[in-house]
Amino acid sequence: MTLKTLLTAFAAAVEKGDGNALADCFTADGIYDDYFFGPSKPGRDGIVEMLAHFYEGGKDFRWDFFDIAEAGPLGYASYRFSYTSILPEAKGARVAFEGISRMTLADGRIQHYAEVFDRSIALSQLDFAPERLKKIALKYANRLKETPAMARHVKT
């Protein structure tokens, strides 16, 4: 299966809310590391649970992957993503943003999926109070600073 075919199935599963179809895109020990929710538990149940989180706060998901590149066990793709928030304070806002996916591939499936996008663009569309936005941003900043990969960058 090509990465383009795999990501087409991935996007369709998210749009339909079909956790089992999304899990079919992953290896048996696959991990979905979402930029809002963090990494899923490894395996099928973790992937299904991750998609359920999407639908706790949103509906009418749309996901388009483009500029797909694959090199051995690595895959990358740009994407456009949108949804309608069902959080009461968001008042039905349509949230839209762009990002980049990076994947480790094995046996024609995704073993590890991660992404990067500008959280502030997404969160600003939800009409949260400034204090709440700051609290969320600091949570992610602190989480990043605590990773071993950032150790050299946070030392003074």
Protein backbone atom coordinates (compact mmCIF):
# COMPACT_ATOMS: atom_id res chain seq x y z
CA MET A 1 0.00 0.00 0.00
CA THR A 2 1.41 3.44 -0.90
CA LEU A 3 1.55 6.21 1.67
CA LYS A 4 -0.93 8.21 -0.41
CA THR A 5 -3.42 5.31 -0.32
CA LEU A 6 -2.83 4.85 3.40
CA LEU A 7 -3.41 8.54 4.15
CA THR A 8 -6.55 8.59 2.01
CA ALA A 9 -7.93 5.76 4.17
CA PHE A 10 -6.70 7.55 7.33
CA ALA A 11 -8.53 10.79 6.42
CA ALA A 12 -11.72 8.95 5.45
CA ALA A 13 -11.74 7.07 8.76
CA VAL A 14 -11.36 10.30 10.75
CA GLU A 15 -14.10 12.02 8.75
CA LYS A 16 -16.48 9.08 9.33
CA GLY A 17 -15.53 8.69 12.99
CA ASP A 18 -14.57 5.08 12.31
CA GLY A 19 -11.94 4.16 14.89
CA ASN A 20 -11.57 0.62 13.60
CA ALA A 21 -10.85 1.83 10.06
CA LEU A 22 -8.31 4.29 11.46
CA ALA A 23 -6.68 1.50 13.48
CA ASP A 24 -6.41 -0.53 10.26
CA CYS A 25 -3.97 2.12 8.99
CA PHE A 26 -1.59 1.34 11.89
CA THR A 27 0.61 -1.58 12.84
CA ALA A 28 -0.54 -3.78 15.73
CA ASP A 29 1.66 -1.72 18.10
CA GLY A 30 0.99 1.61 16.38
CA ILE A 31 0.87 4.94 18.21
CA TYR A 32 -1.02 8.07 17.22
CA ASP A 33 0.72 11.07 18.81
CA ASP A 34 -1.82 13.89 18.49
CA TYR A 35 -0.59 17.45 18.95
CA PHE A 36 -3.52 18.27 21.25
CA PHE A 37 -4.08 15.02 23.12
CA GLY A 38 -0.58 13.54 23.21
CA PRO A 39 0.32 9.95 22.32
CA SER A 40 -2.26 7.19 22.28
CA LYS A 41 -1.76 3.93 24.06
CA PRO A 42 0.01 1.50 21.71
CA GLY A 43 -2.20 -0.69 19.57
CA ARG A 44 -5.65 -0.85 18.13
CA ASP A 45 -7.55 0.12 21.28
CA GLY A 46 -5.39 3.20 21.74
CA ILE A 47 -6.04 4.39 18.16
CA VAL A 48 -9.80 3.85 18.54
CA GLU A 49 -9.75 5.76 21.83
CA MET A 50 -7.80 8.63 20.25
CA LEU A 51 -10.40 9.14 17.54
CA ALA A 52 -13.17 9.06 20.16
CA HIS A 53 -11.47 12.08 21.81
CA PHE A 54 -11.84 14.02 18.57
CA TYR A 55 -15.58 13.48 18.61
CA GLU A 56 -15.95 14.54 22.25
CA GLY A 57 -15.21 18.11 21.19
CA GLY A 58 -16.04 18.28 17.52
CA LYS A 59 -18.02 17.13 14.50
CA ASP A 60 -17.96 17.48 10.72
CA PHE A 61 -14.26 16.70 10.43
CA ARG A 62 -12.44 17.26 7.14
CA TRP A 63 -8.86 16.21 6.49
CA ASP A 64 -6.86 16.62 3.28
CA PHE A 65 -3.29 15.33 2.94
CA PHE A 66 -1.03 16.68 0.18
CA ASP A 67 2.67 16.94 -0.72
CA ILE A 68 3.14 13.37 0.47
CA ALA A 69 6.73 12.10 0.63
CA GLU A 70 8.05 8.68 1.56
CA ALA A 71 11.66 7.59 2.06
CA GLY A 72 12.12 4.08 3.37
CA PRO A 73 10.54 3.82 6.81
CA LEU A 74 9.77 7.57 6.98
CA GLY A 75 6.73 9.37 5.65
CA TYR A 76 5.77 13.04 5.63
CA ALA A 77 2.70 14.90 4.45
CA SER A 78 1.28 18.38 4.66
CA TYR A 79 -2.39 18.63 5.55
CA ARG A 80 -5.42 20.86 5.93
CA PHE A 81 -7.77 19.97 8.78
CA SER A 82 -11.07 21.41 9.98
CA TYR A 83 -13.97 20.64 12.25
CA THR A 84 -16.94 22.27 13.95
CA SER A 85 -16.46 22.62 17.68
CA ILE A 86 -19.22 21.32 19.92
CA LEU A 87 -17.70 22.84 23.06
CA PRO A 88 -20.33 25.18 24.57
CA GLU A 89 -17.97 28.17 24.82
CA ALA A 90 -16.97 27.85 21.15
CA LYS A 91 -20.55 28.46 19.98
CA GLY A 92 -20.28 26.15 16.96
CA ALA A 93 -17.09 27.71 15.61
CA ARG A 94 -15.55 26.16 12.50
CA VAL A 95 -11.86 25.57 13.24
CA ALA A 96 -9.42 25.23 10.33
CA PHE A 97 -5.63 24.96 10.21
CA GLU A 98 -2.71 23.45 8.34
CA GLY A 99 -0.02 21.14 9.62
CA ILE A 100 2.60 18.56 8.81
CA SER A 101 2.49 14.85 9.62
CA ARG A 102 5.55 12.70 10.17
CA MET A 103 5.33 8.95 10.29
CA THR A 104 7.42 5.88 10.88
CA LEU A 105 6.19 3.13 8.58
CA ALA A 106 6.43 -0.66 8.85
CA ASP A 107 4.86 -3.42 6.79
CA GLY A 108 2.74 -0.98 4.76
CA ARG A 109 1.19 0.62 7.83
CA ILE A 110 1.89 3.50 10.22
CA GLN A 111 3.88 2.48 13.27
CA HIS A 112 4.13 5.96 14.75
CA TYR A 113 2.19 9.05 13.67
CA ALA A 114 3.04 12.54 14.94
CA GLU A 115 2.20 16.02 13.74
CA VAL A 116 3.07 19.67 14.07
CA PHE A 117 0.74 22.62 13.62
CA ASP A 118 0.32 26.06 15.10
CA ARG A 119 -1.89 25.41 18.12
CA SER A 120 -2.54 29.12 18.59
CA ILE A 121 -4.24 29.32 15.19
CA ALA A 122 -6.53 26.43 16.12
CA LEU A 123 -7.24 27.56 19.68
CA SER A 124 -7.83 31.21 18.79
CA GLN A 125 -10.84 30.17 16.72
CA LEU A 126 -12.58 28.70 19.79
CA ASP A 127 -13.17 32.04 21.55
CA PHE A 128 -11.49 30.90 24.78
CA ALA A 129 -10.62 33.55 27.36
CA PRO A 130 -7.02 34.83 27.09
CA GLU A 131 -6.12 33.32 30.47
CA ARG A 132 -7.24 29.89 29.28
CA LEU A 133 -5.21 30.21 26.07
CA LYS A 134 -2.12 31.16 28.09
CA LYS A 135 -2.61 28.21 30.45
CA ILE A 136 -2.90 25.79 27.52
CA ALA A 137 0.15 27.26 25.75
CA LEU A 138 2.27 27.04 28.92
CA LYS A 139 1.23 23.40 29.42
CA TYR A 140 2.53 22.49 25.98
CA ALA A 141 5.68 24.61 26.36
CA ASN A 142 6.52 22.97 29.67
CA ARG A 143 5.83 19.50 28.27
CA LEU A 144 8.23 20.19 25.39
CA LYS A 145 10.95 21.53 27.70
CA GLU A 146 10.76 18.36 29.82
CA THR A 147 11.62 16.04 26.92
CA PRO A 148 15.16 14.63 26.80
CA ALA A 149 15.57 15.94 23.25
CA MET A 150 15.18 19.54 24.50
CA ALA A 151 17.62 19.27 27.44
CA ARG A 152 20.42 21.07 25.62
CA HIS A 153 18.05 23.89 24.63
CA VAL A 154 16.64 24.65 28.07
CA LYS A 155 19.91 24.81 30.00
CA THR A 156 21.13 28.31 30.72
